[in-house]
Structures are given as C-alpha cells and as structure tokens.
Amino acid sequence: MSGNTTERRALAMLKTFEQAGKRVVSVSVDGRKIEVKFLEEKNTDEFDGLDMRHGQT
C-alpha cells in the first residue's frame, strides 16, 4: 500500500478545490470512495441584462 492514504488524497482535493474558488460543504471518505459536496451557487447568466434583439436600432 502506498503512503498516500485516501484521507490524505481527500485533504489534497479539498485544498485544490478551495484554491480554485469552489466552496466545499463537506467531504466524506468511505473506503476508497471520496465524495465532495459543493455549495450550490446561483448560476447567473452573463447575458441576462443585455438586449439581444437583432435588427432593431
């Protein structure tokens, strides 16, 4: 077995996601399975405030 345990890999993943700006709510380890849950953020449409009609001045 390698020296890199599942728990250490989970912590490394947590650090990587947080450095990338993701907000992690929870991390669970079950054997070799790692589950990461993120804070659900409202996806804003970058074109929401623009008038997208074509051909009108």
PDB file of N, CA and C in Angstrom:
ATOM      1  N   MET A   1       0.848  -1.179   0.000  1.00  0.00           N
ATOM      2  CA  MET A   1       0.000   0.000   0.000  1.00  0.00           C
ATOM      3  C   MET A   1       0.887   1.233   0.000  1.00  0.00           C
ATOM      4  N   SER A   2       0.506   2.221  -0.747  1.00  0.00           N
ATOM      5  CA  SER A   2       1.304   3.441  -0.838  1.00  0.00           C
ATOM      6  C   SER A   2       1.133   4.292   0.414  1.00  0.00           C
ATOM      7  N   GLY A   3       2.030   5.257   0.576  1.00  0.00           N
ATOM      8  CA  GLY A   3       1.972   6.145   1.732  1.00  0.00           C
ATOM      9  C   GLY A   3       0.910   7.217   1.601  1.00  0.00           C
ATOM     10  N   ASN A   4       0.257   7.297   0.454  1.00  0.00           N
ATOM     11  CA  ASN A   4      -0.756   8.316   0.224  1.00  0.00           C
ATOM     12  C   ASN A   4      -2.127   7.716   0.521  1.00  0.00           C
ATOM     13  N   THR A   5      -2.619   7.910   1.716  1.00  0.00           N
ATOM     14  CA  THR A   5      -3.889   7.319   2.111  1.00  0.00           C
ATOM     15  C   THR A   5      -5.048   8.059   1.463  1.00  0.00           C
ATOM     16  N   THR A   6      -6.195   7.436   1.511  1.00  0.00           N
ATOM     17  CA  THR A   6      -7.393   8.044   0.945  1.00  0.00           C
ATOM     18  C   THR A   6      -7.715   9.353   1.649  1.00  0.00           C
ATOM     19  N   GLU A   7      -7.496   9.395   2.962  1.00  0.00           N
ATOM     20  CA  GLU A   7      -7.765  10.619   3.708  1.00  0.00           C
ATOM     21  C   GLU A   7      -6.847  11.753   3.263  1.00  0.00           C
ATOM     22  N   ARG A   8      -5.598  11.439   3.007  1.00  0.00           N
ATOM     23  CA  ARG A   8      -4.660  12.470   2.532  1.00  0.00           C
ATOM     24  C   ARG A   8      -5.042  12.952   1.143  1.00  0.00           C
ATOM     25  N   ARG A   9      -5.484  12.039   0.296  1.00  0.00           N
ATOM     26  CA  ARG A   9      -5.932  12.436  -1.037  1.00  0.00           C
ATOM     27  C   ARG A   9      -7.165  13.330  -0.946  1.00  0.00           C
ATOM     28  N   ALA A  10      -8.069  13.014  -0.014  1.00  0.00           N
ATOM     29  CA  ALA A  10      -9.268  13.831   0.179  1.00  0.00           C
ATOM     30  C   ALA A  10      -8.885  15.234   0.644  1.00  0.00           C
ATOM     31  N   LEU A  11      -7.931  15.331   1.562  1.00  0.00           N
ATOM     32  CA  LEU A  11      -7.474  16.639   2.025  1.00  0.00           C
ATOM     33  C   LEU A  11      -6.801  17.424   0.907  1.00  0.00           C
ATOM     34  N   ALA A  12      -6.041  16.740   0.071  1.00  0.00           N
ATOM     35  CA  ALA A  12      -5.393  17.401  -1.066  1.00  0.00           C
ATOM     36  C   ALA A  12      -6.448  17.907  -2.056  1.00  0.00           C
ATOM     37  N   MET A  13      -7.492  17.107  -2.281  1.00  0.00           N
ATOM     38  CA  MET A  13      -8.577  17.537  -3.164  1.00  0.00           C
ATOM     39  C   MET A  13      -9.293  18.752  -2.590  1.00  0.00           C
ATOM     40  N   LEU A  14      -9.550  18.724  -1.289  1.00  0.00           N
ATOM     41  CA  LEU A  14     -10.211  19.841  -0.616  1.00  0.00           C
ATOM     42  C   LEU A  14      -9.403  21.122  -0.795  1.00  0.00           C
ATOM     43  N   LYS A  15      -8.120  21.037  -0.564  1.00  0.00           N
ATOM     44  CA  LYS A  15      -7.242  22.204  -0.705  1.00  0.00           C
ATOM     45  C   LYS A  15      -7.249  22.720  -2.144  1.00  0.00           C
ATOM     46  N   THR A  16      -7.188  21.813  -3.107  1.00  0.00           N
ATOM     47  CA  THR A  16      -7.180  22.199  -4.519  1.00  0.00           C
ATOM     48  C   THR A  16      -8.473  22.889  -4.918  1.00  0.00           C
ATOM     49  N   PHE A  17      -9.611  22.330  -4.506  1.00  0.00           N
ATOM     50  CA  PHE A  17     -10.896  22.933  -4.846  1.00  0.00           C
ATOM     51  C   PHE A  17     -11.041  24.310  -4.212  1.00  0.00           C
ATOM     52  N   GLU A  18     -10.639  24.450  -2.956  1.00  0.00           N
ATOM     53  CA  GLU A  18     -10.760  25.739  -2.283  1.00  0.00           C
ATOM     54  C   GLU A  18      -9.833  26.779  -2.911  1.00  0.00           C
ATOM     55  N   GLN A  19      -8.655  26.368  -3.350  1.00  0.00           N
ATOM     56  CA  GLN A  19      -7.758  27.297  -4.024  1.00  0.00           C
ATOM     57  C   GLN A  19      -8.315  27.728  -5.378  1.00  0.00           C
ATOM     58  N   ALA A  20      -9.121  26.868  -5.988  1.00  0.00           N
ATOM     59  CA  ALA A  20      -9.737  27.188  -7.276  1.00  0.00           C
ATOM     60  C   ALA A  20     -10.990  28.042  -7.113  1.00  0.00           C
ATOM     61  N   GLY A  21     -11.370  28.321  -5.872  1.00  0.00           N
ATOM     62  CA  GLY A  21     -12.524  29.182  -5.627  1.00  0.00           C
ATOM     63  C   GLY A  21     -13.828  28.455  -5.412  1.00  0.00           C
ATOM     64  N   LYS A  22     -13.791  27.140  -5.373  1.00  0.00           N
ATOM     65  CA  LYS A  22     -15.010  26.370  -5.120  1.00  0.00           C
ATOM     66  C   LYS A  22     -15.271  26.357  -3.615  1.00  0.00           C
ATOM     67  N   ARG A  23     -16.531  26.439  -3.233  1.00  0.00           N
ATOM     68  CA  ARG A  23     -16.887  26.399  -1.820  1.00  0.00           C
ATOM     69  C   ARG A  23     -17.355  24.993  -1.473  1.00  0.00           C
ATOM     70  N   VAL A  24     -16.546  24.303  -0.695  1.00  0.00           N
ATOM     71  CA  VAL A  24     -16.815  22.911  -0.328  1.00  0.00           C
ATOM     72  C   VAL A  24     -17.636  22.880   0.953  1.00  0.00           C
ATOM     73  N   VAL A  25     -18.739  22.135   0.908  1.00  0.00           N
ATOM     74  CA  VAL A  25     -19.607  21.999   2.073  1.00  0.00           C
ATOM     75  C   VAL A  25     -19.175  20.815   2.924  1.00  0.00           C
ATOM     76  N   SER A  26     -18.877  19.680   2.273  1.00  0.00           N
ATOM     77  CA  SER A  26     -18.471  18.505   3.028  1.00  0.00           C
ATOM     78  C   SER A  26     -17.634  17.570   2.172  1.00  0.00           C
ATOM     79  N   VAL A  27     -16.823  16.785   2.869  1.00  0.00           N
ATOM     80  CA  VAL A  27     -16.016  15.743   2.238  1.00  0.00           C
ATOM     81  C   VAL A  27     -16.229  14.482   3.058  1.00  0.00           C
ATOM     82  N   SER A  28     -16.599  13.393   2.383  1.00  0.00           N
ATOM     83  CA  SER A  28     -16.765  12.128   3.098  1.00  0.00           C
ATOM     84  C   SER A  28     -15.927  11.053   2.423  1.00  0.00           C
ATOM     85  N   VAL A  29     -15.346  10.204   3.257  1.00  0.00           N
ATOM     86  CA  VAL A  29     -14.497   9.118   2.775  1.00  0.00           C
ATOM     87  C   VAL A  29     -15.125   7.809   3.230  1.00  0.00           C
ATOM     88  N   ASP A  30     -15.358   6.910   2.277  1.00  0.00           N
ATOM     89  CA  ASP A  30     -15.926   5.601   2.575  1.00  0.00           C
ATOM     90  C   ASP A  30     -15.076   4.557   1.865  1.00  0.00           C
ATOM     91  N   GLY A  31     -14.117   3.992   2.594  1.00  0.00           N
ATOM     92  CA  GLY A  31     -13.186   3.057   1.975  1.00  0.00           C
ATOM     93  C   GLY A  31     -12.275   3.813   1.019  1.00  0.00           C
ATOM     94  N   ARG A  32     -12.354   3.466  -0.266  1.00  0.00           N
ATOM     95  CA  ARG A  32     -11.551   4.171  -1.275  1.00  0.00           C
ATOM     96  C   ARG A  32     -12.358   5.249  -1.992  1.00  0.00           C
ATOM     97  N   LYS A  33     -13.625   5.385  -1.637  1.00  0.00           N
ATOM     98  CA  LYS A  33     -14.514   6.351  -2.280  1.00  0.00           C
ATOM     99  C   LYS A  33     -14.434   7.697  -1.559  1.00  0.00           C
ATOM    100  N   ILE A  34     -14.232   8.777  -2.331  1.00  0.00           N
ATOM    101  CA  ILE A  34     -14.212  10.135  -1.792  1.00  0.00           C
ATOM    102  C   ILE A  34     -15.375  10.889  -2.411  1.00  0.00           C
ATOM    103  N   GLU A  35     -16.201  11.494  -1.561  1.00  0.00           N
ATOM    104  CA  GLU A  35     -17.340  12.271  -2.043  1.00  0.00           C
ATOM    105  C   GLU A  35     -17.188  13.707  -1.559  1.00  0.00           C
ATOM    106  N   VAL A  36     -17.228  14.654  -2.493  1.00  0.00           N
ATOM    107  CA  VAL A  36     -17.090  16.068  -2.178  1.00  0.00           C
ATOM    108  C   VAL A  36     -18.387  16.761  -2.556  1.00  0.00           C
ATOM    109  N   LYS A  37     -18.953  17.520  -1.620  1.00  0.00           N
ATOM    110  CA  LYS A  37     -20.177  18.274  -1.891  1.00  0.00           C
ATOM    111  C   LYS A  37     -19.836  19.756  -1.877  1.00  0.00           C
ATOM    112  N   PHE A  38     -20.343  20.449  -2.894  1.00  0.00           N
ATOM    113  CA  PHE A  38     -20.070  21.868  -3.041  1.00  0.00           C
ATOM    114  C   PHE A  38     -21.287  22.693  -2.674  1.00  0.00           C
ATOM    115  N   LEU A  39     -21.035  23.936  -2.289  1.00  0.00           N
ATOM    116  CA  LEU A  39     -22.104  24.876  -2.026  1.00  0.00           C
ATOM    117  C   LEU A  39     -22.744  25.220  -3.365  1.00  0.00           C
ATOM    118  N   GLU A  40     -24.057  25.076  -3.437  1.00  0.00           N
ATOM    119  CA  GLU A  40     -24.746  25.379  -4.686  1.00  0.00           C
ATOM    120  C   GLU A  40     -24.878  26.879  -4.809  1.00  0.00           C
ATOM    121  N   GLU A  41     -24.282  27.405  -5.855  1.00  0.00           N
ATOM    122  CA  GLU A  41     -24.353  28.833  -6.108  1.00  0.00           C
ATOM    123  C   GLU A  41     -25.296  29.073  -7.263  1.00  0.00           C
ATOM    124  N   LYS A  42     -26.008  30.176  -7.180  1.00  0.00           N
ATOM    125  CA  LYS A  42     -26.919  30.524  -8.256  1.00  0.00           C
ATOM    126  C   LYS A  42     -26.099  30.898  -9.483  1.00  0.00           C
ATOM    127  N   ASN A  43     -26.336  30.189 -10.576  1.00  0.00           N
ATOM    128  CA  ASN A  43     -25.640  30.490 -11.823  1.00  0.00           C
ATOM    129  C   ASN A  43     -26.294  31.706 -12.465  1.00  0.00           C
ATOM    130  N   THR A  44     -25.535  32.764 -12.564  1.00  0.00           N
ATOM    131  CA  THR A  44     -26.063  33.965 -13.186  1.00  0.00           C
ATOM    132  C   THR A  44     -25.721  33.953 -14.665  1.00  0.00           C
ATOM    133  N   ASP A  45     -26.665  34.371 -15.448  1.00  0.00           N
ATOM    134  CA  ASP A  45     -26.473  34.454 -16.885  1.00  0.00           C
ATOM    135  C   ASP A  45     -25.770  35.761 -17.191  1.00  0.00           C
ATOM    136  N   GLU A  46     -24.598  35.690 -17.810  1.00  0.00           N
ATOM    137  CA  GLU A  46     -23.830  36.894 -18.081  1.00  0.00           C
ATOM    138  C   GLU A  46     -24.508  37.771 -19.134  1.00  0.00           C
ATOM    139  N   PHE A  47     -25.468  37.226 -19.881  1.00  0.00           N
ATOM    140  CA  PHE A  47     -26.186  37.995 -20.892  1.00  0.00           C
ATOM    141  C   PHE A  47     -27.573  38.416 -20.407  1.00  0.00           C
ATOM    142  N   ASP A  48     -27.876  38.206 -19.145  1.00  0.00           N
ATOM    143  CA  ASP A  48     -29.204  38.467 -18.606  1.00  0.00           C
ATOM    144  C   ASP A  48     -29.623  39.931 -18.777  1.00  0.00           C
ATOM    145  N   GLY A  49     -28.712  40.869 -18.574  1.00  0.00           N
ATOM    146  CA  GLY A  49     -29.061  42.283 -18.642  1.00  0.00           C
ATOM    147  C   GLY A  49     -28.931  42.900 -20.021  1.00  0.00           C
ATOM    148  N   LEU A  50     -28.592  42.117 -21.036  1.00  0.00           N
ATOM    149  CA  LEU A  50     -28.389  42.653 -22.374  1.00  0.00           C
ATOM    150  C   LEU A  50     -29.637  42.463 -23.234  1.00  0.00           C
ATOM    151  N   ASP A  51     -29.887  43.458 -24.075  1.00  0.00           N
ATOM    152  CA  ASP A  51     -30.985  43.345 -25.028  1.00  0.00           C
ATOM    153  C   ASP A  51     -30.453  42.588 -26.243  1.00  0.00           C
ATOM    154  N   MET A  52     -30.951  41.394 -26.474  1.00  0.00           N
ATOM    155  CA  MET A  52     -30.416  40.524 -27.521  1.00  0.00           C
ATOM    156  C   MET A  52     -31.233  40.545 -28.819  1.00  0.00           C
ATOM    157  N   ARG A  53     -32.089  41.561 -28.987  1.00  0.00           N
ATOM    158  CA  ARG A  53     -32.893  41.628 -30.222  1.00  0.00           C
ATOM    159  C   ARG A  53     -31.987  41.985 -31.388  1.00  0.00           C
ATOM    160  N   HIS A  54     -32.268  41.377 -32.516  1.00  0.00           N
ATOM    161  CA  HIS A  54     -31.435  41.567 -33.709  1.00  0.00           C
ATOM    162  C   HIS A  54     -32.188  42.424 -34.737  1.00  0.00           C
ATOM    163  N   GLY A  55     -31.469  43.359 -35.347  1.00  0.00           N
ATOM    164  CA  GLY A  55     -32.023  44.120 -36.444  1.00  0.00           C
ATOM    165  C   GLY A  55     -32.828  45.337 -36.054  1.00  0.00           C
ATOM    166  N   GLN A  56     -32.874  45.691 -34.805  1.00  0.00           N
ATOM    167  CA  GLN A  56     -33.608  46.872 -34.373  1.00  0.00           C
ATOM    168  C   GLN A  56     -32.629  47.872 -33.794  1.00  0.00           C
ATOM    169  N   THR A  57     -32.814  49.131 -34.189  1.00  0.00           N
ATOM    170  CA  THR A  57     -31.925  50.188 -33.673  1.00  0.00           C
ATOM    171  C   THR A  57     -32.657  51.131 -32.776  1.00  0.00           C
TER     172      THR A  57
END
